Amino acid sequence: MSLFLGKIHYWLYNKILWFEGIEDEIVNNAKSKYKDMDDLVSSINNRFGKSTGRQPLEEVIDNSNIHGWLQQKIESAELRQAALVTELLKREPSNKAEFLRIYREQGEAAAREYRSSADTPQEIFNALNDFILEGMPCDRVNEIVSSNDVEFVWQTTMCLHRPHWNQVEGDVQNFYDLREAWVKGFVETINSEYKYKKSEGGINKIFSTAL
């Protein structure tokens, strides 16, 4: 089966695994507060499908529909996480602070795992895209605005996440708040000379702290 799989498929699958890692951390953290977490997880899994279980890609993928299988796993992961976060925030809005911590720490962990150099804003952006889940490559969500030695600016041209959050009656702004914490943790850990800032209109910037 692996003969039909390319580097891009493993690259995308790895991003799904990182995203599911956040889900696992949220669940494990919440178990100390809520006795019904196993029931909640089971209910969410029944609605949106289970996680990959971190199994090797070549052992679980539908070889007859590689693109469709990966797309379905992305949608399933996003829906599960949206449902999980939405339900736990309904129970206790103050849970958001803990979610922000989890997201930031996972971003920091991803940065520490990155094995190549990230010495310029462009390289940091490229590294970011090896981990962050933003649909399929063909979705082309991000558009470069400008790039130089001190900053890299891009615009998010569409929101792939809102439909998932709407489906679970959640607020997609929670997703973007958590995503921002993840990216900040990643950027500041992979190279302490740079920071990340998000502005209105979907404008994102990685910039030198020397500015």
N, C-alpha and C. Protein backbone atom coordinates (compact mmCIF):
# COMPACT_ATOMS: atom_id res chain seq x y z
N MET A 1 0.83 -1.21 0.00
CA MET A 1 0.00 0.00 0.00
C MET A 1 0.86 1.25 0.00
N SER A 2 1.99 1.21 0.71
CA SER A 2 2.80 2.40 0.83
C SER A 2 3.35 2.86 -0.51
N LEU A 3 3.37 1.96 -1.49
CA LEU A 3 3.85 2.34 -2.81
C LEU A 3 3.00 3.44 -3.43
N PHE A 4 1.75 3.55 -3.01
CA PHE A 4 0.84 4.54 -3.56
C PHE A 4 0.85 5.84 -2.76
N LEU A 5 1.58 5.87 -1.67
CA LEU A 5 1.61 7.04 -0.81
C LEU A 5 2.85 7.87 -1.09
N GLY A 6 2.67 9.19 -1.11
CA GLY A 6 3.79 10.08 -1.33
C GLY A 6 4.13 10.87 -0.09
N LYS A 7 5.21 11.63 -0.16
CA LYS A 7 5.66 12.43 0.98
C LYS A 7 4.58 13.38 1.46
N ILE A 8 3.82 13.95 0.54
CA ILE A 8 2.79 14.92 0.92
C ILE A 8 1.70 14.28 1.77
N HIS A 9 1.43 12.99 1.55
CA HIS A 9 0.40 12.32 2.33
C HIS A 9 0.86 12.10 3.77
N TYR A 10 2.13 11.71 3.93
CA TYR A 10 2.67 11.56 5.28
C TYR A 10 2.77 12.92 5.97
N TRP A 11 3.12 13.94 5.22
CA TRP A 11 3.21 15.30 5.76
C TRP A 11 1.86 15.76 6.29
N LEU A 12 0.82 15.53 5.53
CA LEU A 12 -0.52 15.93 5.94
C LEU A 12 -1.02 15.09 7.11
N TYR A 13 -0.74 13.80 7.08
CA TYR A 13 -1.15 12.92 8.16
C TYR A 13 -0.48 13.33 9.47
N ASN A 14 0.78 13.73 9.40
CA ASN A 14 1.48 14.17 10.60
C ASN A 14 0.81 15.41 11.20
N LYS A 15 0.30 16.30 10.35
CA LYS A 15 -0.41 17.49 10.84
C LYS A 15 -1.71 17.09 11.54
N ILE A 16 -2.38 16.07 11.00
CA ILE A 16 -3.59 15.56 11.65
C ILE A 16 -3.25 15.00 13.03
N LEU A 17 -2.15 14.28 13.12
CA LEU A 17 -1.75 13.69 14.40
C LEU A 17 -1.45 14.77 15.44
N TRP A 18 -0.79 15.85 15.02
CA TRP A 18 -0.52 16.94 15.95
C TRP A 18 -1.83 17.57 16.43
N PHE A 19 -2.76 17.74 15.53
CA PHE A 19 -4.06 18.32 15.90
C PHE A 19 -4.80 17.41 16.86
N GLU A 20 -4.76 16.12 16.61
CA GLU A 20 -5.40 15.16 17.51
C GLU A 20 -4.70 15.12 18.86
N GLY A 21 -3.42 15.46 18.88
CA GLY A 21 -2.70 15.51 20.15
C GLY A 21 -3.27 16.56 21.09
N ILE A 22 -3.74 17.68 20.54
CA ILE A 22 -4.39 18.70 21.36
C ILE A 22 -5.67 18.13 21.94
N GLU A 23 -6.43 17.46 21.12
CA GLU A 23 -7.68 16.83 21.57
C GLU A 23 -7.41 15.88 22.74
N ASP A 24 -6.38 15.04 22.60
CA ASP A 24 -6.05 14.09 23.66
C ASP A 24 -5.70 14.81 24.96
N GLU A 25 -4.94 15.90 24.83
CA GLU A 25 -4.51 16.64 26.02
C GLU A 25 -5.70 17.30 26.70
N ILE A 26 -6.63 17.84 25.93
CA ILE A 26 -7.82 18.46 26.50
C ILE A 26 -8.64 17.41 27.26
N VAL A 27 -8.81 16.25 26.64
CA VAL A 27 -9.58 15.18 27.27
C VAL A 27 -8.92 14.73 28.56
N ASN A 28 -7.62 14.45 28.51
CA ASN A 28 -6.91 13.97 29.70
C ASN A 28 -6.96 15.00 30.82
N ASN A 29 -6.83 16.26 30.48
CA ASN A 29 -6.88 17.32 31.48
C ASN A 29 -8.27 17.42 32.11
N ALA A 30 -9.32 17.27 31.28
CA ALA A 30 -10.69 17.43 31.76
C ALA A 30 -11.15 16.25 32.62
N LYS A 31 -10.51 15.11 32.48
CA LYS A 31 -10.93 13.93 33.24
C LYS A 31 -10.78 14.14 34.75
N SER A 32 -9.88 15.03 35.14
CA SER A 32 -9.72 15.31 36.57
C SER A 32 -10.85 16.17 37.11
N LYS A 33 -11.63 16.78 36.22
CA LYS A 33 -12.71 17.68 36.64
C LYS A 33 -14.10 17.09 36.41
N TYR A 34 -14.22 16.27 35.36
CA TYR A 34 -15.53 15.77 34.96
C TYR A 34 -15.51 14.24 34.88
N LYS A 35 -16.37 13.62 35.67
CA LYS A 35 -16.39 12.16 35.73
C LYS A 35 -16.99 11.52 34.48
N ASP A 36 -17.71 12.32 33.70
CA ASP A 36 -18.38 11.75 32.53
C ASP A 36 -17.60 11.96 31.24
N MET A 37 -16.31 12.21 31.33
CA MET A 37 -15.55 12.50 30.13
C MET A 37 -15.54 11.34 29.15
N ASP A 38 -15.47 10.11 29.66
CA ASP A 38 -15.47 8.96 28.76
C ASP A 38 -16.78 8.91 27.97
N ASP A 39 -17.88 9.21 28.65
CA ASP A 39 -19.18 9.22 27.96
C ASP A 39 -19.24 10.35 26.94
N LEU A 40 -18.69 11.52 27.29
CA LEU A 40 -18.70 12.64 26.36
C LEU A 40 -17.86 12.32 25.12
N VAL A 41 -16.68 11.77 25.33
CA VAL A 41 -15.81 11.40 24.21
C VAL A 41 -16.49 10.37 23.32
N SER A 42 -17.13 9.37 23.94
CA SER A 42 -17.82 8.34 23.17
C SER A 42 -18.94 8.94 22.33
N SER A 43 -19.66 9.89 22.91
CA SER A 43 -20.75 10.54 22.18
C SER A 43 -20.22 11.33 20.99
N ILE A 44 -19.14 12.06 21.21
CA ILE A 44 -18.54 12.86 20.13
C ILE A 44 -17.99 11.94 19.04
N ASN A 45 -17.34 10.85 19.44
CA ASN A 45 -16.81 9.90 18.47
C ASN A 45 -17.91 9.28 17.63
N ASN A 46 -19.03 8.98 18.26
CA ASN A 46 -20.16 8.39 17.53
C ASN A 46 -20.72 9.36 16.50
N ARG A 47 -20.65 10.64 16.81
CA ARG A 47 -21.18 11.65 15.88
C ARG A 47 -20.22 11.95 14.74
N PHE A 48 -18.92 12.02 15.06
CA PHE A 48 -17.98 12.55 14.07
C PHE A 48 -16.84 11.60 13.70
N GLY A 49 -16.83 10.42 14.28
CA GLY A 49 -15.76 9.47 13.97
C GLY A 49 -14.63 9.54 14.98
N LYS A 50 -13.97 8.41 15.17
CA LYS A 50 -12.87 8.33 16.13
C LYS A 50 -11.59 8.93 15.55
N SER A 51 -10.64 9.19 16.44
CA SER A 51 -9.33 9.67 16.00
C SER A 51 -8.58 8.53 15.32
N THR A 52 -7.45 8.86 14.75
CA THR A 52 -6.66 7.86 14.03
C THR A 52 -6.01 6.84 14.96
N GLY A 53 -5.90 7.19 16.24
CA GLY A 53 -5.23 6.30 17.18
C GLY A 53 -3.72 6.27 16.97
N ARG A 54 -3.22 7.23 16.20
CA ARG A 54 -1.79 7.37 15.94
C ARG A 54 -1.21 6.14 15.26
N GLN A 55 -2.02 5.43 14.51
CA GLN A 55 -1.55 4.26 13.78
C GLN A 55 -0.75 4.69 12.54
N PRO A 56 0.17 3.86 12.08
CA PRO A 56 0.93 4.20 10.86
C PRO A 56 -0.02 4.41 9.68
N LEU A 57 0.25 5.43 8.91
CA LEU A 57 -0.64 5.80 7.82
C LEU A 57 -0.90 4.65 6.87
N GLU A 58 0.14 3.92 6.49
CA GLU A 58 -0.02 2.87 5.50
C GLU A 58 -0.89 1.71 6.00
N GLU A 59 -1.12 1.66 7.32
CA GLU A 59 -1.94 0.58 7.88
C GLU A 59 -3.42 0.95 7.97
N VAL A 60 -3.73 2.23 7.86
CA VAL A 60 -5.12 2.64 8.09
C VAL A 60 -5.77 3.35 6.91
N ILE A 61 -4.99 3.90 5.99
CA ILE A 61 -5.56 4.72 4.93
C ILE A 61 -6.30 3.86 3.91
N ASP A 62 -7.33 4.43 3.32
CA ASP A 62 -8.07 3.80 2.24
C ASP A 62 -7.29 4.06 0.94
N ASN A 63 -6.58 3.06 0.48
CA ASN A 63 -5.70 3.25 -0.67
C ASN A 63 -6.47 3.56 -1.95
N SER A 64 -7.74 3.22 -1.99
CA SER A 64 -8.53 3.50 -3.18
C SER A 64 -9.05 4.93 -3.21
N ASN A 65 -8.90 5.64 -2.08
CA ASN A 65 -9.40 7.01 -2.00
C ASN A 65 -8.53 7.81 -1.03
N ILE A 66 -7.25 7.94 -1.35
CA ILE A 66 -6.29 8.57 -0.46
C ILE A 66 -6.69 10.01 -0.12
N HIS A 67 -6.99 10.80 -1.13
CA HIS A 67 -7.35 12.20 -0.92
C HIS A 67 -8.62 12.30 -0.07
N GLY A 68 -9.62 11.53 -0.41
CA GLY A 68 -10.89 11.58 0.32
C GLY A 68 -10.74 11.13 1.76
N TRP A 69 -9.91 10.11 1.99
CA TRP A 69 -9.70 9.61 3.35
C TRP A 69 -9.04 10.68 4.21
N LEU A 70 -8.00 11.33 3.68
CA LEU A 70 -7.32 12.36 4.44
C LEU A 70 -8.24 13.55 4.72
N GLN A 71 -9.01 13.94 3.74
CA GLN A 71 -9.95 15.05 3.92
C GLN A 71 -10.99 14.71 5.00
N GLN A 72 -11.47 13.47 4.98
CA GLN A 72 -12.45 13.05 5.98
C GLN A 72 -11.84 13.06 7.38
N LYS A 73 -10.58 12.67 7.50
CA LYS A 73 -9.93 12.66 8.81
C LYS A 73 -9.73 14.08 9.33
N ILE A 74 -9.45 15.02 8.44
CA ILE A 74 -9.33 16.42 8.85
C ILE A 74 -10.67 16.93 9.37
N GLU A 75 -11.72 16.70 8.61
CA GLU A 75 -13.05 17.16 9.02
C GLU A 75 -13.48 16.51 10.34
N SER A 76 -13.21 15.22 10.48
CA SER A 76 -13.56 14.51 11.71
C SER A 76 -12.82 15.09 12.91
N ALA A 77 -11.52 15.35 12.74
CA ALA A 77 -10.71 15.90 13.84
C ALA A 77 -11.20 17.29 14.22
N GLU A 78 -11.49 18.11 13.23
CA GLU A 78 -11.95 19.47 13.51
C GLU A 78 -13.30 19.46 14.21
N LEU A 79 -14.21 18.61 13.76
CA LEU A 79 -15.53 18.54 14.38
C LEU A 79 -15.45 18.03 15.81
N ARG A 80 -14.64 17.00 16.04
CA ARG A 80 -14.51 16.48 17.40
C ARG A 80 -13.97 17.56 18.34
N GLN A 81 -12.93 18.26 17.89
CA GLN A 81 -12.34 19.26 18.76
C GLN A 81 -13.27 20.44 18.99
N ALA A 82 -13.99 20.86 17.95
CA ALA A 82 -14.96 21.94 18.10
C ALA A 82 -16.05 21.54 19.09
N ALA A 83 -16.53 20.30 18.98
CA ALA A 83 -17.59 19.83 19.88
C ALA A 83 -17.07 19.73 21.31
N LEU A 84 -15.86 19.23 21.47
CA LEU A 84 -15.27 19.07 22.80
C LEU A 84 -15.08 20.41 23.48
N VAL A 85 -14.45 21.33 22.78
CA VAL A 85 -14.20 22.66 23.36
C VAL A 85 -15.51 23.38 23.66
N THR A 86 -16.45 23.31 22.74
CA THR A 86 -17.74 24.00 22.93
C THR A 86 -18.47 23.46 24.14
N GLU A 87 -18.51 22.14 24.29
CA GLU A 87 -19.22 21.54 25.42
C GLU A 87 -18.55 21.91 26.74
N LEU A 88 -17.23 21.86 26.80
CA LEU A 88 -16.54 22.16 28.05
C LEU A 88 -16.61 23.63 28.41
N LEU A 89 -16.68 24.50 27.41
CA LEU A 89 -16.86 25.92 27.69
C LEU A 89 -18.27 26.23 28.16
N LYS A 90 -19.24 25.47 27.67
CA LYS A 90 -20.61 25.63 28.16
C LYS A 90 -20.69 25.26 29.64
N ARG A 91 -19.98 24.23 30.01
CA ARG A 91 -19.99 23.80 31.40
C ARG A 91 -19.29 24.81 32.31
N GLU A 92 -18.20 25.35 31.80
CA GLU A 92 -17.39 26.25 32.64
C GLU A 92 -16.54 27.15 31.73
N PRO A 93 -16.99 28.36 31.48
CA PRO A 93 -16.25 29.26 30.59
C PRO A 93 -14.80 29.46 30.98
N SER A 94 -14.50 29.34 32.25
CA SER A 94 -13.13 29.55 32.71
C SER A 94 -12.18 28.45 32.20
N ASN A 95 -12.74 27.38 31.62
CA ASN A 95 -11.89 26.34 31.03
C ASN A 95 -11.04 26.89 29.89
N LYS A 96 -11.44 28.01 29.34
CA LYS A 96 -10.71 28.54 28.18
C LYS A 96 -9.26 28.85 28.52
N ALA A 97 -9.02 29.31 29.72
CA ALA A 97 -7.64 29.61 30.12
C ALA A 97 -6.77 28.36 30.05
N GLU A 98 -7.34 27.23 30.46
CA GLU A 98 -6.60 25.98 30.41
C GLU A 98 -6.39 25.54 28.97
N PHE A 99 -7.38 25.74 28.12
CA PHE A 99 -7.24 25.40 26.71
C PHE A 99 -6.14 26.24 26.05
N LEU A 100 -6.09 27.52 26.40
CA LEU A 100 -5.06 28.40 25.85
C LEU A 100 -3.67 27.90 26.25
N ARG A 101 -3.54 27.45 27.47
CA ARG A 101 -2.26 26.90 27.94
C ARG A 101 -1.89 25.65 27.14
N ILE A 102 -2.86 24.77 26.96
CA ILE A 102 -2.62 23.52 26.24
C ILE A 102 -2.18 23.80 24.81
N TYR A 103 -2.88 24.71 24.16
CA TYR A 103 -2.53 25.05 22.78
C TYR A 103 -1.14 25.66 22.70
N ARG A 104 -0.85 26.59 23.58
CA ARG A 104 0.47 27.23 23.53
C ARG A 104 1.59 26.22 23.78
N GLU A 105 1.40 25.36 24.76
CA GLU A 105 2.43 24.38 25.08
C GLU A 105 2.63 23.39 23.95
N GLN A 106 1.54 23.05 23.23
CA GLN A 106 1.71 22.14 22.11
C GLN A 106 2.44 22.83 20.96
N GLY A 107 2.18 24.12 20.77
CA GLY A 107 2.93 24.88 19.77
C GLY A 107 4.41 24.92 20.10
N GLU A 108 4.71 25.10 21.37
CA GLU A 108 6.10 25.11 21.80
C GLU A 108 6.75 23.74 21.57
N ALA A 109 6.00 22.67 21.86
CA ALA A 109 6.53 21.31 21.67
C ALA A 109 6.80 21.04 20.19
N ALA A 110 5.90 21.50 19.31
CA ALA A 110 6.09 21.32 17.87
C ALA A 110 7.36 22.03 17.41
N ALA A 111 7.58 23.24 17.91
CA ALA A 111 8.77 24.00 17.53
C ALA A 111 10.04 23.28 17.95
N ARG A 112 10.01 22.69 19.14
CA ARG A 112 11.20 21.97 19.62
C ARG A 112 11.47 20.72 18.79
N GLU A 113 10.43 20.16 18.18
CA GLU A 113 10.60 18.95 17.38
C GLU A 113 11.10 19.25 15.97
N TYR A 114 10.94 20.48 15.53
CA TYR A 114 11.35 20.84 14.17
C TYR A 114 12.86 20.71 14.04
N ARG A 115 13.32 20.00 13.01
CA ARG A 115 14.73 19.64 12.92
C ARG A 115 15.55 20.52 11.98
N SER A 116 14.91 21.33 11.18
CA SER A 116 15.65 22.18 10.24
C SER A 116 15.84 23.58 10.81
N SER A 117 16.64 24.39 10.15
CA SER A 117 16.86 25.75 10.62
C SER A 117 15.65 26.61 10.30
N ALA A 118 15.42 27.61 11.12
CA ALA A 118 14.34 28.57 10.90
C ALA A 118 14.89 29.93 11.31
N ASP A 119 15.72 30.48 10.45
CA ASP A 119 16.46 31.69 10.78
C ASP A 119 15.86 32.95 10.18
N THR A 120 14.91 32.80 9.27
CA THR A 120 14.27 33.95 8.63
C THR A 120 12.76 33.85 8.80
N PRO A 121 12.05 34.95 8.65
CA PRO A 121 10.58 34.90 8.76
C PRO A 121 9.96 33.89 7.80
N GLN A 122 10.47 33.82 6.57
CA GLN A 122 9.95 32.86 5.58
C GLN A 122 10.16 31.43 6.05
N GLU A 123 11.33 31.13 6.59
CA GLU A 123 11.61 29.78 7.08
C GLU A 123 10.73 29.42 8.27
N ILE A 124 10.45 30.39 9.13
CA ILE A 124 9.56 30.14 10.26
C ILE A 124 8.14 29.85 9.77
N PHE A 125 7.68 30.60 8.78
CA PHE A 125 6.36 30.35 8.19
C PHE A 125 6.30 28.96 7.57
N ASN A 126 7.35 28.58 6.85
CA ASN A 126 7.38 27.25 6.25
C ASN A 126 7.34 26.16 7.32
N ALA A 127 8.08 26.38 8.40
CA ALA A 127 8.07 25.42 9.50
C ALA A 127 6.68 25.32 10.12
N LEU A 128 6.04 26.45 10.30
CA LEU A 128 4.69 26.50 10.86
C LEU A 128 3.74 25.62 10.05
N ASN A 129 3.87 25.67 8.75
CA ASN A 129 2.98 24.92 7.88
C ASN A 129 3.28 23.42 7.83
N ASP A 130 4.35 23.01 8.47
CA ASP A 130 4.60 21.58 8.62
C ASP A 130 3.80 20.99 9.77
N PHE A 131 3.17 21.84 10.57
CA PHE A 131 2.45 21.36 11.75
C PHE A 131 0.99 21.81 11.78
N ILE A 132 0.73 23.04 11.39
CA ILE A 132 -0.60 23.59 11.57
C ILE A 132 -1.56 23.03 10.54
N LEU A 133 -2.77 22.70 10.98
CA LEU A 133 -3.76 22.07 10.11
C LEU A 133 -4.67 23.14 9.53
N GLU A 134 -4.62 23.29 8.21
CA GLU A 134 -5.41 24.32 7.53
C GLU A 134 -5.97 23.74 6.24
N GLY A 135 -6.80 22.70 6.41
CA GLY A 135 -7.43 22.06 5.27
C GLY A 135 -6.46 21.26 4.44
N MET A 136 -6.85 20.97 3.19
CA MET A 136 -6.00 20.24 2.25
C MET A 136 -5.09 21.24 1.52
N PRO A 137 -3.95 20.78 1.03
CA PRO A 137 -3.05 21.69 0.30
C PRO A 137 -3.73 22.41 -0.85
N CYS A 138 -4.67 21.74 -1.50
CA CYS A 138 -5.36 22.34 -2.64
C CYS A 138 -6.30 23.47 -2.24
N ASP A 139 -6.57 23.62 -0.93
CA ASP A 139 -7.48 24.68 -0.48
C ASP A 139 -6.84 26.06 -0.61
N ARG A 140 -5.53 26.13 -0.52
CA ARG A 140 -4.79 27.39 -0.71
C ARG A 140 -5.40 28.53 0.11
N VAL A 141 -5.42 28.32 1.41
CA VAL A 141 -6.06 29.26 2.33
C VAL A 141 -5.23 30.53 2.53
N ASN A 142 -3.90 30.37 2.52
CA ASN A 142 -3.02 31.49 2.84
C ASN A 142 -2.43 32.14 1.59
N GLU A 143 -2.44 33.47 1.59
CA GLU A 143 -1.89 34.24 0.47
C GLU A 143 -0.80 35.17 0.98
N ILE A 144 0.41 35.06 0.43
CA ILE A 144 1.52 35.89 0.88
C ILE A 144 1.29 37.35 0.50
N VAL A 145 1.45 38.24 1.47
CA VAL A 145 1.30 39.68 1.25
C VAL A 145 2.66 40.32 1.00
N SER A 146 3.63 40.00 1.85
CA SER A 146 4.99 40.54 1.68
C SER A 146 5.97 39.67 2.44
N SER A 147 7.21 39.71 2.00
CA SER A 147 8.26 38.91 2.63
C SER A 147 9.61 39.59 2.46
N ASN A 148 10.32 39.75 3.59
CA ASN A 148 11.69 40.28 3.54
C ASN A 148 12.47 39.71 4.71
N ASP A 149 13.63 40.27 4.96
CA ASP A 149 14.51 39.69 5.98
C ASP A 149 14.03 39.89 7.41
N VAL A 150 13.12 40.83 7.62
CA VAL A 150 12.69 41.13 8.99
C VAL A 150 11.24 40.77 9.28
N GLU A 151 10.43 40.55 8.23
CA GLU A 151 9.05 40.15 8.50
C GLU A 151 8.46 39.39 7.32
N PHE A 152 7.49 38.55 7.67
CA PHE A 152 6.73 37.80 6.66
C PHE A 152 5.26 38.02 6.97
N VAL A 153 4.50 38.49 5.98
CA VAL A 153 3.09 38.82 6.18
C VAL A 153 2.25 38.00 5.22
N TRP A 154 1.21 37.39 5.75
CA TRP A 154 0.29 36.64 4.89
C TRP A 154 -1.16 36.88 5.33
N GLN A 155 -2.06 36.62 4.41
CA GLN A 155 -3.48 36.81 4.68
C GLN A 155 -4.21 35.48 4.55
N THR A 156 -5.07 35.21 5.53
CA THR A 156 -5.94 34.05 5.45
C THR A 156 -7.17 34.46 4.65
N THR A 157 -7.31 33.88 3.47
CA THR A 157 -8.32 34.35 2.53
C THR A 157 -9.69 33.73 2.70
N MET A 158 -9.77 32.64 3.46
CA MET A 158 -11.06 32.00 3.71
C MET A 158 -11.03 31.28 5.04
N CYS A 159 -12.18 31.05 5.62
CA CYS A 159 -12.28 30.33 6.89
C CYS A 159 -12.83 28.94 6.63
N LEU A 160 -11.98 27.94 6.79
CA LEU A 160 -12.41 26.56 6.62
C LEU A 160 -13.02 25.98 7.89
N HIS A 161 -12.89 26.72 8.98
CA HIS A 161 -13.25 26.17 10.28
C HIS A 161 -14.66 26.52 10.74
N ARG A 162 -15.17 27.64 10.28
CA ARG A 162 -16.48 28.09 10.73
C ARG A 162 -17.59 27.04 10.54
N PRO A 163 -17.65 26.35 9.38
CA PRO A 163 -18.71 25.36 9.21
C PRO A 163 -18.69 24.27 10.28
N HIS A 164 -17.50 23.88 10.72
CA HIS A 164 -17.40 22.85 11.76
C HIS A 164 -17.92 23.37 13.09
N TRP A 165 -17.56 24.60 13.42
CA TRP A 165 -18.00 25.18 14.69
C TRP A 165 -19.49 25.49 14.65
N ASN A 166 -19.99 25.90 13.49
CA ASN A 166 -21.43 26.13 13.37
C ASN A 166 -22.20 24.83 13.54
N GLN A 167 -21.64 23.74 13.03
CA GLN A 167 -22.33 22.46 13.11
C GLN A 167 -22.53 22.00 14.55
N VAL A 168 -21.60 22.38 15.45
CA VAL A 168 -21.73 21.99 16.86
C VAL A 168 -22.26 23.14 17.71
N GLU A 169 -22.76 24.19 17.03
CA GLU A 169 -23.31 25.37 17.70
C GLU A 169 -22.29 26.03 18.61
N GLY A 170 -21.06 26.12 18.10
CA GLY A 170 -19.99 26.75 18.85
C GLY A 170 -19.60 28.08 18.22
N ASP A 171 -18.71 28.78 18.88
CA ASP A 171 -18.22 30.09 18.42
C ASP A 171 -16.84 29.90 17.82
N VAL A 172 -16.71 30.12 16.52
CA VAL A 172 -15.43 29.91 15.84
C VAL A 172 -14.35 30.85 16.37
N GLN A 173 -14.73 31.94 17.03
CA GLN A 173 -13.72 32.83 17.60
C GLN A 173 -12.88 32.11 18.65
N ASN A 174 -13.50 31.14 19.34
CA ASN A 174 -12.73 30.35 20.30
C ASN A 174 -11.61 29.60 19.58
N PHE A 175 -11.91 29.07 18.41
CA PHE A 175 -10.87 28.39 17.63
C PHE A 175 -9.73 29.34 17.31
N TYR A 176 -10.05 30.53 16.86
CA TYR A 176 -9.00 31.46 16.46
C TYR A 176 -8.20 31.96 17.65
N ASP A 177 -8.83 32.11 18.80
CA ASP A 177 -8.09 32.49 20.00
C ASP A 177 -7.09 31.40 20.39
N LEU A 178 -7.55 30.15 20.30
CA LEU A 178 -6.68 29.02 20.64
C LEU A 178 -5.58 28.85 19.60
N ARG A 179 -5.93 28.99 18.34
CA ARG A 179 -4.94 28.88 17.27
C ARG A 179 -3.85 29.95 17.43
N GLU A 180 -4.26 31.16 17.80
CA GLU A 180 -3.29 32.24 17.99
C GLU A 180 -2.29 31.90 19.10
N ALA A 181 -2.79 31.29 20.17
CA ALA A 181 -1.91 30.88 21.27
C ALA A 181 -0.91 29.83 20.78
N TRP A 182 -1.39 28.91 19.95
CA TRP A 182 -0.52 27.86 19.40
C TRP A 182 0.59 28.48 18.55
N VAL A 183 0.21 29.37 17.64
CA VAL A 183 1.18 29.96 16.72
C VAL A 183 2.20 30.81 17.48
N LYS A 184 1.73 31.58 18.45
CA LYS A 184 2.67 32.39 19.23
C LYS A 184 3.68 31.50 19.94
N GLY A 185 3.20 30.42 20.54
CA GLY A 185 4.10 29.51 21.22
C GLY A 185 5.12 28.91 20.27
N PHE A 186 4.66 28.56 19.08
CA PHE A 186 5.54 27.96 18.08
C PHE A 186 6.60 28.95 17.62
N VAL A 187 6.18 30.12 17.20
CA VAL A 187 7.11 31.11 16.64
C VAL A 187 8.14 31.53 17.67
N GLU A 188 7.71 31.84 18.87
CA GLU A 188 8.63 32.35 19.89
C GLU A 188 9.58 31.27 20.40
N THR A 189 9.20 30.00 20.22
CA THR A 189 10.08 28.90 20.64
C THR A 189 11.05 28.51 19.55
N ILE A 190 10.60 28.50 18.32
CA ILE A 190 11.48 28.06 17.23
C ILE A 190 12.59 29.08 16.98
N ASN A 191 12.31 30.35 17.25
CA ASN A 191 13.33 31.39 17.11
C ASN A 191 12.93 32.57 17.99
N SER A 192 13.62 32.74 19.09
CA SER A 192 13.25 33.76 20.07
C SER A 192 13.43 35.18 19.56
N GLU A 193 14.04 35.33 18.40
CA GLU A 193 14.23 36.67 17.84
C GLU A 193 13.01 37.15 17.05
N TYR A 194 11.98 36.30 17.00
CA TYR A 194 10.78 36.66 16.23
C TYR A 194 9.52 36.48 17.06
N LYS A 195 8.48 37.22 16.67
CA LYS A 195 7.17 37.11 17.30
C LYS A 195 6.10 37.01 16.21
N TYR A 196 4.90 36.66 16.65
CA TYR A 196 3.76 36.54 15.75
C TYR A 196 2.66 37.49 16.18
N LYS A 197 2.00 38.11 15.21
CA LYS A 197 0.88 38.99 15.50
C LYS A 197 -0.21 38.77 14.46
N LYS A 198 -1.44 38.74 14.93
CA LYS A 198 -2.59 38.62 14.04
C LYS A 198 -3.41 39.89 14.13
N SER A 199 -3.81 40.42 12.97
CA SER A 199 -4.59 41.65 12.91
C SER A 199 -5.94 41.36 12.25
N GLU A 200 -6.80 42.37 12.22
CA GLU A 200 -8.09 42.21 11.58
C GLU A 200 -7.92 41.97 10.09
N GLY A 201 -8.93 41.35 9.50
CA GLY A 201 -8.88 41.09 8.07
C GLY A 201 -8.06 39.86 7.71
N GLY A 202 -7.76 39.04 8.72
CA GLY A 202 -7.01 37.82 8.44
C GLY A 202 -5.54 38.05 8.13
N ILE A 203 -4.99 39.19 8.55
CA ILE A 203 -3.58 39.49 8.31
C ILE A 203 -2.74 38.91 9.44
N ASN A 204 -1.72 38.15 9.06
CA ASN A 204 -0.81 37.52 10.02
C ASN A 204 0.60 37.99 9.73
N LYS A 205 1.39 38.14 10.79
CA LYS A 205 2.74 38.64 10.61
C LYS A 205 3.70 37.93 11.55
N ILE A 206 4.82 37.46 11.00
CA ILE A 206 5.96 37.00 11.76
C ILE A 206 7.04 38.07 11.60
N PHE A 207 7.49 38.65 12.70
CA PHE A 207 8.39 39.80 12.58
C PHE A 207 9.52 39.74 13.60
N SER A 208 10.60 40.39 13.26
CA SER A 208 11.77 40.43 14.12
C SER A 208 11.50 41.30 15.35
N THR A 209 11.95 40.86 16.50
CA THR A 209 11.80 41.64 17.73
C THR A 209 12.72 42.85 17.72
N ALA A 210 13.62 42.91 16.76
CA ALA A 210 14.52 44.05 16.64
C ALA A 210 13.85 45.25 16.00
N LEU A 211 12.63 45.05 15.45
CA LEU A 211 11.92 46.15 14.80
C LEU A 211 11.48 47.20 15.82
